Every structure is written in structure tokens, then in C-alpha cells.
Amino acid sequence: MKVKDRLNPPERPPEERIKDFNEVNLGFTEEMAIEEAKRCLQCPKPFCIEGCPVEVNIKGFIKQIAEGNFLEALKIIKKTDAIPAITGRVCPQEVQCEGACVLNKMGKPINIGKLERFVADWARERGLEEKPTVPEWNGKKVAVVGSGPASITCAADLAKLGYKVVMYEALHEPGGVLVYGIPEFRLPKKIVKHELDYLRQLGVEIKTNVIIGKSISLHELVEEYDAVFLGTGAGTPNFLKIPGVNLNGVYSANEFLTRINLMRAYEFPNYDTPVIKGKICGVIGGGNTAMDAARSALRLGFEKVYILYRRTRNEMTARAEEIEHAKEEGVEFMFLVSPVRFIGDEKGNLKAIELIRNELGEPDSSGRRRPVPIPGSEFTLDLDVAIIAIGQRPNKVLRQGVPELQVNRWGCLLVDERMRTTMPKVFAGGDAIRGEATVILAMGDGRKAAKSIHEYLSKGESWPDEIEAINKG
């Protein structure tokens, strides 16, 4: 069976887009969306839905797009996904819903992510989104700590069930990693703000500049609310344990991206948030965060930006789309190299990095072949700025003085299959239990936690004496 070629939305040309932080992908037109939706086979057993962590009725919403019923398509998505304009942009569809599409056997899968984005954008731009119905309060209050994707999903689902939900965010703007971690050219901040307004329409109260563990203790929160959900993410960066890591010009990706995304360093001096600039930048890592940092560095005016990765392209965890965009924009990839030390000048500023070449050995616990250094292969590379993007872990502040809240060896909160932590009344999900993961996995945790919280509070269940924790880190 021959199927039509997959349609992709137009994108801004690389030579234009590297000059600013405006969005790269321009989205489908109505005609393109309908044409792409008509490629869907409407399978009797839609594997795409099984591949979605929040179980969006993909078959159903695509059918509505094919018929030109865009608003109905959005209603179907919003039953399980509170933030489709975001997930349509940043989810790794290629390994989830699109990866499960049967059209992979005959060609290329339906462009599910871009269709999801299309209907969300279409309705928002025309002011056609329906305001959600807010149910009568059921008498129970739930605190949601953090305002990233896990917390947004949990809060939305609970609000729809009649709970009074109060969300606490440590930073001055809500959105979590969606605001501080993902650059404007991939996810415009106006989109995040708009989707958060949906939470407010559901009756969710959002309190910013409140650090749980400092401003309020977790114990105080547990006393005040009937249940607590912890969606605090993984905001503590992993650093390399090599000489020179404290030199000026060596950043964690977390700090670098937060300065740019949340504090608008790219508009300095209009915004009083500087970042060190120079001619050559090296980004250490091979995930989406590394791609975001490298592409942001290009837009800040670096003449040369390297991705320095200890394995090969085949082992990189970044989305294929992000890698291709980085290549198009001029990022250079240097594979099979590991940092040995950062080299500074007499003033303590970074001037170079020493690297060692690797070869791939046997697979490690991740299933990827382990990089093995080649003795005597060291060399240096001139750098003005280095960005370390080798993963993040949960912050310790929340659990200080809370010994009953147990974690694994990576600092991730331990939960059972119902997202219950080892502390009574407290549930958790997202990067707080997984370490740095994806937006959609976090949303799946949020949905599961909301269901468990509802069961716990509506049935009057007692907390188990011991939690059979599932290690999700």
C-alpha cells in the first residue's frame, strides 16, 4: 500500500533564525493540517494512543482535523492534555506516539505533534477556546509544589474533580522547566503563559516566590492541606569533577539557559542579566539541553559553537529534530571526546579545554556502548565559554529536615506505583522522581498522581505503613 508523503510545516531559514530568538517552526496552515490528517488510517487498534504517556485520543482528534472540525479536535485533546500548544512543540513524538504509528511500516508516521500544535494555536489565535467548567468545591484542598508539566497536569485534573488547588512556585514566574529551561525559539513564553491561564480558569491559585523548605516547611504544608503533590523537577546541575570547573566562563547549562530564558540575558543591557560572550563556545553533552544551550550560544553571537560528546551520534539522547536544527544553524559536532580539565589564564578566565579521545567499549547500564579513553590522545581546544550539559538532579532544599521523605542514590524521591512517597499524604511525580526526563513523561506522572490523590481522599484510605518504592530515577 502506497501512502502519501508526510507533510512538515515550514521553518525559518537557518541564516535568518540564528540572528534572533523567535520561533523556528512556523506551524501548519489549515489546508496543510487537513491534508496531513487525511493520511491517518484510523486504525481499529490505535497503537499511537498506547505510545502516549497521557493517553491522548490521537485517532479521534486527527479524524476531526481531517473533517475541518478544529475546535472539536482541541476539545478531544484537552480531555487528557491540559497544555497541547506546549506538548505539540516539545514532546519527543518520534519515540512515543509517532514511533508507534503503523505508517512507519509503509513510510513515515503521521505528524502528530505538529497537528496537536496546530489546533491549539488555531483556537488561541482566534480566541475560540472554550472556558472550562469549574465544578463545585468538594471540600478538600490539595497543595501542588512546583509549576512544571507534572504539576500543571496534576493541578488541572484535580481542579476538574472539584478540589481547591493551590500551586507553589519558587521562582518569580510559573512554568518550571517550560520557562527557564526551553529556549524561546522552541517554545515561546507567551504560549506557556497562555496555557497557565487555563489553570487559573479552572480555579487553581498560583503563588510565586515561595520556596517550600525555606518560606514554608513541607510539614506545615502537610498540616494545612488534605494532600500534597511534589512536582519540583530536577533543577540541580551535575558538574564535571575535573580541574578548572570554577573558572570564569564555565557554566552549567541550567544557569546559562535560566539567564537567557527566564532573565532575558540575550536582551542585555535592556535586561540586567549578563552572560559572558566570546568567539568560541563548547557545550559538553548530547541531550536536548545541550542542543538548546548550543543553539542559544549561536544566537548570542559566538562565531563557533561545538558540541563535545563522549560517544557517537547514534548514542545521543537529543531529539533528531533538535540535532538537525543545530547542524543547519552551524553547530559543529565533535564526537568521542571527553573533558580532562579546563585551562584558565592568569585572571581566572577560561581560555581552553583539554580533551581526550575515546573509543566505544561494551554497553553500560543505559544500554549504550561505554566510552573508553584512548591513552595519549589528549589535545586542547581554545574556548571562551564552556557549558556543562550532563544532566540534572532534584534539589535538596525541599527535603531538608524531612527524614521521612526517602530518596534513591541520585536524590530522586521514592514513590510506589500510585505515586505515593514515603511521607503520609505526599505524592510526587516528574523529574523529582525520575531525574531529568521529558515533558510528556512528567505529565503522565501528574495524571497518575491526580487519580491516586482522588482515590485516596474520596475513599478515605489510610496511608500504608511501608511504601514499596519503585526506583524511577
Protein backbone atom coordinates (compact mmCIF):
# COMPACT_ATOMS: atom_id res chain seq x y z
CA MET A 1 0.00 0.00 0.00
CA LYS A 2 1.42 3.37 -1.03
CA VAL A 3 0.77 6.27 1.32
CA LYS A 4 1.17 9.98 0.71
CA ASP A 5 4.37 11.65 1.80
CA ARG A 6 4.36 13.16 5.28
CA LEU A 7 3.87 16.92 5.42
CA ASN A 8 6.09 19.09 7.60
CA PRO A 9 5.33 22.73 8.47
CA PRO A 10 7.60 25.43 7.00
CA GLU A 11 10.57 26.64 9.04
CA ARG A 12 12.51 29.89 9.06
CA PRO A 13 15.79 29.57 7.14
CA PRO A 14 18.89 28.97 9.33
CA GLU A 15 20.70 32.12 8.22
CA GLU A 16 17.73 34.19 9.38
CA ARG A 17 16.76 32.40 12.59
CA ILE A 18 20.24 32.37 14.20
CA LYS A 19 20.04 36.16 14.43
CA ASP A 20 17.18 36.16 16.94
CA PHE A 21 15.27 34.05 19.47
CA ASN A 22 11.98 33.92 17.52
CA GLU A 23 10.34 30.56 16.89
CA VAL A 24 11.90 28.35 14.22
CA ASN A 25 8.89 26.25 13.19
CA LEU A 26 6.04 28.24 11.61
CA GLY A 27 3.28 25.65 12.02
CA PHE A 28 0.73 24.18 9.62
CA THR A 29 -1.78 26.15 7.60
CA GLU A 30 -5.39 24.90 7.74
CA GLU A 31 -5.01 23.26 4.33
CA MET A 32 -1.76 21.53 5.29
CA ALA A 33 -3.20 20.26 8.59
CA ILE A 34 -6.24 18.75 6.86
CA GLU A 35 -4.07 17.14 4.19
CA GLU A 36 -1.70 15.62 6.75
CA ALA A 37 -4.60 14.43 8.95
CA LYS A 38 -6.13 12.62 5.97
CA ARG A 39 -3.06 10.38 5.85
CA CYS A 40 -4.23 8.76 9.12
CA LEU A 41 -5.53 5.21 8.57
CA GLN A 42 -7.88 5.44 11.58
CA CYS A 43 -6.62 2.06 12.82
CA PRO A 44 -9.08 -0.18 14.69
CA LYS A 45 -6.32 -0.61 17.31
CA PRO A 46 -4.52 2.76 17.52
CA PHE A 47 -1.04 1.99 18.84
CA CYS A 48 -0.32 5.74 18.83
CA ILE A 49 -2.57 6.18 21.88
CA GLU A 50 -0.71 3.41 23.71
CA GLY A 51 2.51 5.26 22.94
CA CYS A 52 1.28 8.47 24.60
CA PRO A 53 2.05 8.78 28.34
CA VAL A 54 -1.13 10.84 28.90
CA GLU A 55 -3.25 8.71 26.53
CA VAL A 56 -4.48 11.49 24.25
CA ASN A 57 -7.19 10.20 21.88
CA ILE A 58 -4.94 10.76 18.87
CA LYS A 59 -7.10 8.84 16.44
CA GLY A 60 -10.13 10.89 17.49
CA PHE A 61 -8.60 14.35 17.27
CA ILE A 62 -6.91 13.65 13.91
CA LYS A 63 -10.24 12.49 12.46
CA GLN A 64 -11.78 15.82 13.47
CA ILE A 65 -8.92 17.76 11.85
CA ALA A 66 -9.34 15.80 8.62
CA GLU A 67 -13.01 16.88 8.61
CA GLY A 68 -12.10 20.52 9.34
CA ASN A 69 -13.50 20.44 12.88
CA PHE A 70 -10.53 22.05 14.59
CA LEU A 71 -12.29 23.16 17.74
CA GLU A 72 -13.71 19.69 18.30
CA ALA A 73 -10.21 18.29 17.85
CA LEU A 74 -8.93 20.59 20.59
CA LYS A 75 -11.73 19.53 22.96
CA ILE A 76 -10.72 15.90 22.49
CA ILE A 77 -7.05 16.65 23.24
CA LYS A 78 -7.84 18.76 26.30
CA LYS A 79 -9.66 15.87 27.96
CA THR A 80 -6.27 14.39 28.80
CA ASP A 81 -3.68 17.05 27.88
CA ALA A 82 -4.03 20.46 29.56
CA ILE A 83 -1.19 22.06 27.57
CA PRO A 84 -1.35 20.91 23.91
CA ALA A 85 0.35 24.02 22.49
CA ILE A 86 3.36 23.05 24.62
CA THR A 87 3.37 19.28 24.14
CA GLY A 88 2.86 19.73 20.41
CA ARG A 89 6.14 21.64 20.36
CA VAL A 90 8.46 19.83 22.76
CA CYS A 91 7.33 16.20 23.14
CA PRO A 92 9.60 13.50 21.66
CA GLN A 93 6.78 12.21 19.47
CA GLU A 94 9.22 10.23 17.32
CA VAL A 95 9.81 7.74 20.14
CA GLN A 96 6.29 7.82 21.56
CA CYS A 97 3.04 8.29 19.61
CA GLU A 98 4.66 8.71 16.19
CA GLY A 99 7.09 5.90 16.93
CA ALA A 100 4.10 3.58 17.43
CA CYS A 101 2.25 4.71 14.27
CA VAL A 102 1.65 1.81 11.83
CA LEU A 103 2.57 4.05 8.90
CA ASN A 104 6.20 3.54 9.92
CA LYS A 105 5.91 0.17 8.16
CA MET A 106 4.99 1.85 4.87
CA GLY A 107 6.73 5.20 5.02
CA LYS A 108 6.68 7.99 7.57
CA PRO A 109 4.27 8.35 10.52
CA ILE A 110 1.53 10.93 10.88
CA ASN A 111 2.94 14.27 12.05
CA ILE A 112 1.00 14.00 15.31
CA GLY A 113 2.93 16.63 17.27
CA LYS A 114 2.59 19.33 14.65
CA LEU A 115 -1.14 18.59 14.26
CA GLU A 116 -1.63 18.88 18.01
CA ARG A 117 0.20 22.19 17.99
CA PHE A 118 -1.87 23.38 15.03
CA VAL A 119 -5.28 23.02 16.70
CA ALA A 120 -4.07 24.62 19.94
CA ASP A 121 -2.57 27.58 18.06
CA TRP A 122 -5.56 27.86 15.71
CA ALA A 123 -8.05 28.20 18.57
CA ARG A 124 -5.85 30.50 20.67
CA GLU A 125 -5.11 32.91 17.81
CA ARG A 126 -8.83 33.25 17.07
CA GLY A 127 -9.98 33.47 20.67
CA LEU A 128 -12.18 30.40 20.20
CA GLU A 129 -11.10 28.30 23.17
CA GLU A 130 -13.97 27.40 25.43
CA LYS A 131 -13.62 28.35 29.07
CA PRO A 132 -13.58 25.23 31.23
CA THR A 133 -16.48 24.43 33.52
CA VAL A 134 -15.41 24.78 37.15
CA PRO A 135 -17.15 22.19 39.33
CA GLU A 136 -18.47 22.90 42.81
CA TRP A 137 -15.82 22.64 45.55
CA ASN A 138 -15.79 19.20 47.13
CA GLY A 139 -14.42 20.48 50.44
CA LYS A 140 -10.88 19.17 50.00
CA LYS A 141 -7.67 21.16 49.46
CA VAL A 142 -4.52 19.98 47.67
CA ALA A 143 -1.15 21.75 47.50
CA VAL A 144 0.91 21.32 44.35
CA VAL A 145 4.59 22.19 44.73
CA GLY A 146 6.29 23.31 41.53
CA SER A 147 4.67 24.60 38.35
CA GLY A 148 6.24 22.50 35.61
CA PRO A 149 4.47 19.94 33.40
CA ALA A 150 3.87 17.31 36.12
CA SER A 151 2.36 19.89 38.47
CA ILE A 152 0.29 21.59 35.76
CA THR A 153 -1.27 18.27 34.75
CA CYS A 154 -1.92 17.15 38.32
CA ALA A 155 -3.44 20.51 39.25
CA ALA A 156 -5.69 20.61 36.18
CA ASP A 157 -7.01 17.08 36.71
CA LEU A 158 -7.71 17.71 40.41
CA ALA A 159 -9.41 21.05 39.74
CA LYS A 160 -11.72 19.33 37.26
CA LEU A 161 -12.70 16.95 40.08
CA GLY A 162 -13.71 19.79 42.41
CA TYR A 163 -10.60 20.15 44.55
CA LYS A 164 -9.31 23.51 45.70
CA VAL A 165 -5.76 23.50 44.33
CA VAL A 166 -3.00 25.90 45.37
CA MET A 167 0.24 25.77 43.36
CA TYR A 168 3.53 26.96 44.87
CA GLU A 169 6.43 28.11 42.68
CA ALA A 170 9.88 29.12 43.98
CA LEU A 171 10.70 31.46 41.08
CA HIS A 172 9.01 34.73 40.14
CA GLU A 173 7.30 33.21 37.10
CA PRO A 174 5.37 29.91 36.97
CA GLY A 175 6.07 27.27 34.36
CA GLY A 176 9.09 25.44 35.73
CA VAL A 177 11.39 23.98 33.10
CA LEU A 178 8.99 25.20 30.40
CA VAL A 179 10.01 28.77 31.28
CA TYR A 180 13.62 28.54 32.47
CA GLY A 181 14.87 25.53 30.52
CA ILE A 182 13.44 25.62 26.99
CA PRO A 183 14.52 28.49 24.71
CA GLU A 184 12.12 30.94 23.12
CA PHE A 185 12.89 29.65 19.61
CA ARG A 186 11.49 26.23 20.58
CA LEU A 187 8.76 27.28 23.00
CA PRO A 188 7.67 30.95 23.09
CA LYS A 189 6.98 32.13 26.64
CA LYS A 190 3.65 33.66 25.59
CA ILE A 191 2.47 30.11 24.86
CA VAL A 192 3.40 28.95 28.37
CA LYS A 193 1.67 31.95 29.95
CA HIS A 194 -1.45 31.29 27.93
CA GLU A 195 -1.60 27.65 28.93
CA LEU A 196 -1.11 28.59 32.59
CA ASP A 197 -4.12 30.89 32.27
CA TYR A 198 -6.14 27.74 31.59
CA LEU A 199 -5.18 26.53 35.07
CA ARG A 200 -6.37 29.79 36.59
CA GLN A 201 -9.67 29.48 34.71
CA LEU A 202 -10.06 26.09 36.39
CA GLY A 203 -9.73 27.83 39.75
CA VAL A 204 -6.12 26.91 40.52
CA GLU A 205 -4.38 29.56 42.65
CA ILE A 206 -0.71 30.07 41.72
CA LYS A 207 1.65 31.50 44.35
CA THR A 208 5.14 32.52 43.16
CA ASN A 209 8.32 33.34 45.12
CA VAL A 210 7.53 30.65 47.69
CA ILE A 211 10.28 28.12 48.41
CA ILE A 212 8.96 25.02 50.13
CA GLY A 213 11.62 24.08 52.64
CA LYS A 214 12.51 27.75 53.24
CA SER A 215 9.45 30.03 53.03
CA ILE A 216 7.17 27.24 54.27
CA SER A 217 8.19 23.81 55.52
CA LEU A 218 6.81 20.68 53.94
CA HIS A 219 5.44 19.68 57.35
CA GLU A 220 3.42 22.93 57.50
CA LEU A 221 2.05 22.23 54.04
CA VAL A 222 1.01 18.71 55.03
CA GLU A 223 -0.80 20.09 58.07
CA GLU A 224 -2.69 22.70 56.06
CA TYR A 225 -3.78 20.56 53.09
CA ASP A 226 -5.53 17.23 52.66
CA ALA A 227 -2.82 16.06 50.24
CA VAL A 228 0.38 17.42 48.70
CA PHE A 229 1.88 16.76 45.27
CA LEU A 230 5.60 17.36 44.73
CA GLY A 231 6.47 18.23 41.15
CA THR A 232 9.65 20.10 41.98
CA GLY A 233 11.66 18.92 38.97
CA ALA A 234 15.40 18.40 38.74
CA GLY A 235 17.00 21.81 38.95
CA THR A 236 20.40 20.99 40.43
CA PRO A 237 23.00 20.56 37.69
CA ASN A 238 25.56 17.78 37.57
CA PHE A 239 29.10 19.16 37.34
CA LEU A 240 32.24 17.59 35.95
CA LYS A 241 34.74 16.57 38.61
CA ILE A 242 37.77 17.93 36.74
CA PRO A 243 40.24 20.75 37.37
CA GLY A 244 39.21 24.27 36.35
CA VAL A 245 35.48 23.83 36.72
CA ASN A 246 35.28 27.05 38.79
CA LEU A 247 36.92 29.25 36.15
CA ASN A 248 35.02 32.29 34.87
CA GLY A 249 33.32 31.26 31.65
CA VAL A 250 32.37 27.75 32.78
CA TYR A 251 28.59 27.49 33.16
CA SER A 252 26.13 24.78 33.97
CA ALA A 253 23.50 24.54 31.24
CA ASN A 254 20.93 25.24 33.96
CA GLU A 255 22.43 28.64 34.81
CA PHE A 256 23.16 29.54 31.19
CA LEU A 257 19.64 28.75 29.98
CA THR A 258 17.94 30.29 33.03
CA ARG A 259 19.80 33.55 32.46
CA ILE A 260 18.73 33.55 28.82
CA ASN A 261 15.19 32.18 29.02
CA LEU A 262 13.83 33.46 32.33
CA MET A 263 16.04 36.52 32.82
CA ARG A 264 16.34 37.52 29.14
CA ALA A 265 20.13 37.87 29.07
CA TYR A 266 20.02 38.00 25.28
CA GLU A 267 18.46 41.47 25.61
CA PHE A 268 21.27 42.82 27.83
CA PRO A 269 21.60 45.70 28.77
CA ASN A 270 17.82 46.25 28.50
CA TYR A 271 17.59 43.37 30.98
CA ASP A 272 20.29 43.48 33.67
CA THR A 273 21.36 39.85 33.30
CA PRO A 274 24.73 39.44 31.61
CA VAL A 275 26.33 36.29 30.27
CA ILE A 276 29.97 36.08 29.25
CA LYS A 277 30.35 36.30 25.49
CA GLY A 278 33.25 35.45 23.23
CA LYS A 279 34.18 33.86 19.94
CA ILE A 280 34.25 30.14 20.76
CA CYS A 281 31.82 28.13 22.91
CA GLY A 282 31.91 24.44 23.78
CA VAL A 283 28.88 22.55 25.08
CA ILE A 284 29.57 19.26 26.85
CA GLY A 285 26.74 16.74 26.48
CA GLY A 286 24.48 15.10 23.92
CA GLY A 287 20.91 15.64 25.10
CA ASN A 288 18.19 18.17 24.32
CA THR A 289 19.58 20.55 26.94
CA ALA A 290 22.95 20.52 25.20
CA MET A 291 21.26 21.35 21.86
CA ASP A 292 19.30 24.18 23.50
CA ALA A 293 22.47 25.63 25.03
CA ALA A 294 24.47 25.37 21.79
CA ARG A 295 21.77 26.94 19.66
CA SER A 296 21.29 29.72 22.22
CA ALA A 297 25.04 30.42 22.20
CA LEU A 298 24.94 30.85 18.43
CA ARG A 299 22.18 33.42 18.79
CA LEU A 300 24.26 35.32 21.35
CA GLY A 301 26.86 35.88 18.63
CA PHE A 302 29.52 33.20 19.17
CA GLU A 303 31.42 32.64 15.93
CA LYS A 304 31.98 28.96 16.58
CA VAL A 305 29.97 26.59 18.79
CA TYR A 306 30.96 22.98 19.43
CA ILE A 307 29.02 20.06 20.85
CA LEU A 308 31.61 17.95 22.68
CA TYR A 309 30.20 14.46 23.19
CA ARG A 310 31.90 11.39 24.60
CA ARG A 311 30.02 8.90 22.42
CA THR A 312 28.84 8.99 18.77
CA ARG A 313 25.76 10.43 17.05
CA ASN A 314 23.99 7.06 17.42
CA GLU A 315 24.11 7.29 21.23
CA MET A 316 22.91 10.89 21.58
CA THR A 317 19.68 11.28 23.55
CA ALA A 318 18.63 14.57 21.93
CA ARG A 319 15.67 14.57 19.55
CA ALA A 320 16.62 14.06 15.90
CA GLU A 321 14.84 17.32 15.01
CA GLU A 322 16.93 19.29 17.53
CA ILE A 323 20.19 17.77 16.28
CA GLU A 324 19.30 18.57 12.67
CA HIS A 325 18.32 22.14 13.56
CA ALA A 326 21.64 22.59 15.37
CA LYS A 327 23.57 21.29 12.35
CA GLU A 328 21.62 23.54 9.96
CA GLU A 329 22.42 26.54 12.12
CA GLY A 330 26.15 25.84 12.14
CA VAL A 331 26.84 23.99 15.40
CA GLU A 332 29.88 21.73 14.96
CA PHE A 333 29.81 18.23 16.47
CA MET A 334 32.94 16.69 17.93
CA PHE A 335 32.29 13.06 18.85
CA LEU A 336 34.19 10.56 21.01
CA VAL A 337 35.86 13.18 23.21
CA SER A 338 35.77 13.65 27.00
CA PRO A 339 36.92 16.67 29.05
CA VAL A 340 40.07 16.24 31.10
CA ARG A 341 40.49 19.76 32.51
CA PHE A 342 39.56 23.38 31.91
CA ILE A 343 42.51 25.71 31.36
CA GLY A 344 42.45 29.31 32.56
CA ASP A 345 44.53 32.44 32.18
CA GLU A 346 46.24 34.44 34.94
CA LYS A 347 42.97 36.27 35.68
CA GLY A 348 40.95 33.09 36.27
CA ASN A 349 39.14 33.21 32.95
CA LEU A 350 38.63 30.14 30.78
CA LYS A 351 40.87 30.03 27.71
CA ALA A 352 40.87 26.37 26.64
CA ILE A 353 39.75 22.84 27.42
CA GLU A 354 41.84 19.69 27.37
CA LEU A 355 40.04 16.71 25.84
CA ILE A 356 40.87 13.05 25.42
CA ARG A 357 39.67 10.90 22.54
CA ASN A 358 37.51 7.85 23.22
CA GLU A 359 36.60 4.59 21.58
CA LEU A 360 33.39 2.71 22.32
CA GLY A 361 33.55 -0.36 24.53
CA GLU A 362 30.88 -2.65 25.97
CA PRO A 363 27.35 -1.35 26.72
CA ASP A 364 26.79 0.21 30.16
CA SER A 365 23.62 0.22 32.32
CA SER A 366 21.92 2.61 29.85
CA GLY A 367 22.36 0.07 27.04
CA ARG A 368 24.70 2.41 25.18
CA ARG A 369 28.31 1.50 24.49
CA ARG A 370 30.63 2.86 27.14
CA PRO A 371 33.22 5.48 26.08
CA VAL A 372 36.76 4.27 26.82
CA PRO A 373 39.56 6.88 26.83
CA ILE A 374 42.49 6.28 24.46
CA PRO A 375 45.77 6.79 26.38
CA GLY A 376 47.98 9.51 24.98
CA SER A 377 45.25 11.05 22.77
CA GLU A 378 44.85 14.28 24.77
CA PHE A 379 44.58 17.59 22.90
CA THR A 380 43.45 21.14 23.66
CA LEU A 381 40.71 23.28 22.15
CA ASP A 382 40.53 27.05 22.60
CA LEU A 383 37.29 28.14 24.33
CA ASP A 384 35.95 31.39 25.74
CA VAL A 385 32.87 29.76 27.30
CA ALA A 386 32.11 26.16 28.28
CA ILE A 387 28.62 24.92 29.11
CA ILE A 388 28.22 21.68 31.04
CA ALA A 389 25.03 19.86 29.99
CA ILE A 390 25.42 16.39 31.52
CA GLY A 391 22.12 16.14 33.35
CA GLN A 392 20.42 17.43 36.47
CA ARG A 393 19.09 16.04 39.73
CA PRO A 394 16.45 17.16 42.25
CA ASN A 395 17.21 19.99 44.66
CA LYS A 396 17.76 19.08 48.32
CA VAL A 397 16.10 22.18 49.82
CA LEU A 398 12.59 20.73 49.89
CA ARG A 399 13.53 17.65 51.91
CA GLN A 400 15.89 19.26 54.42
CA GLY A 401 14.61 18.38 57.88
CA VAL A 402 12.18 15.82 56.41
CA PRO A 403 13.86 12.46 57.06
CA GLU A 404 10.64 10.54 56.36
CA LEU A 405 10.84 11.61 52.71
CA GLN A 406 13.17 8.99 51.27
CA VAL A 407 15.23 9.26 48.07
CA ASN A 408 17.36 6.98 45.91
CA ARG A 409 21.10 7.37 45.42
CA TRP A 410 20.56 10.10 42.81
CA GLY A 411 18.41 12.16 45.17
CA CYS A 412 15.13 11.32 43.39
CA LEU A 413 12.06 10.90 45.59
CA LEU A 414 10.94 7.32 46.07
CA VAL A 415 7.33 6.57 45.12
CA ASP A 416 5.20 3.47 44.71
CA GLU A 417 3.05 2.52 41.71
CA ARG A 418 0.42 5.03 42.88
CA MET A 419 2.93 7.90 43.11
CA ARG A 420 2.82 7.86 46.93
CA THR A 421 6.02 8.92 48.65
CA THR A 422 7.31 7.52 51.95
CA MET A 423 5.70 10.50 53.75
CA PRO A 424 1.96 10.26 54.52
CA LYS A 425 -0.33 12.47 52.39
CA VAL A 426 2.52 13.33 50.00
CA PHE A 427 2.61 12.27 46.34
CA ALA A 428 5.25 13.06 43.73
CA GLY A 429 5.99 12.85 40.01
CA GLY A 430 8.00 14.17 37.08
CA ASP A 431 11.71 14.89 37.22
CA ALA A 432 11.55 14.92 41.04
CA ILE A 433 11.24 11.13 40.90
CA ARG A 434 12.96 10.42 37.56
CA GLY A 435 15.81 12.90 37.30
CA GLU A 436 15.96 14.90 34.08
CA ALA A 437 13.37 13.39 31.71
CA THR A 438 10.75 14.58 29.20
CA VAL A 439 7.78 16.91 29.49
CA ILE A 440 5.28 14.24 28.49
CA LEU A 441 6.60 11.64 30.96
CA ALA A 442 6.23 14.24 33.69
CA MET A 443 2.67 14.92 32.55
CA GLY A 444 1.92 11.19 32.66
CA ASP A 445 3.11 11.13 36.27
CA GLY A 446 0.94 14.15 37.07
CA ARG A 447 -2.16 12.46 35.68
CA LYS A 448 -1.45 9.26 37.56
CA ALA A 449 -0.83 11.17 40.79
CA ALA A 450 -4.08 13.16 40.43
CA LYS A 451 -6.01 9.91 40.05
CA SER A 452 -4.31 8.44 43.10
CA ILE A 453 -4.89 11.57 45.18
CA HIS A 454 -8.58 11.49 44.25
CA GLU A 455 -8.86 7.82 45.22
CA TYR A 456 -7.02 8.46 48.49
CA LEU A 457 -9.19 11.42 49.51
CA SER A 458 -12.56 10.25 48.20
CA LYS A 459 -12.29 6.75 49.67
CA GLY A 460 -10.74 7.82 52.97
CA GLU A 461 -7.84 5.44 52.55
CA SER A 462 -5.17 5.12 55.21
CA TRP A 463 -1.52 5.58 54.29
CA PRO A 464 0.41 2.30 54.16
CA ASP A 465 2.96 1.76 56.93
CA GLU A 466 5.59 0.98 54.31
CA ILE A 467 5.78 2.12 50.71
CA GLU A 468 7.02 -0.42 48.19
CA ALA A 469 9.04 2.15 46.30
CA ILE A 470 9.64 1.85 42.58
CA ASN A 471 13.03 3.24 41.60
CA LYS A 472 12.23 5.63 38.74
CA GLY A 473 15.50 7.56 38.89
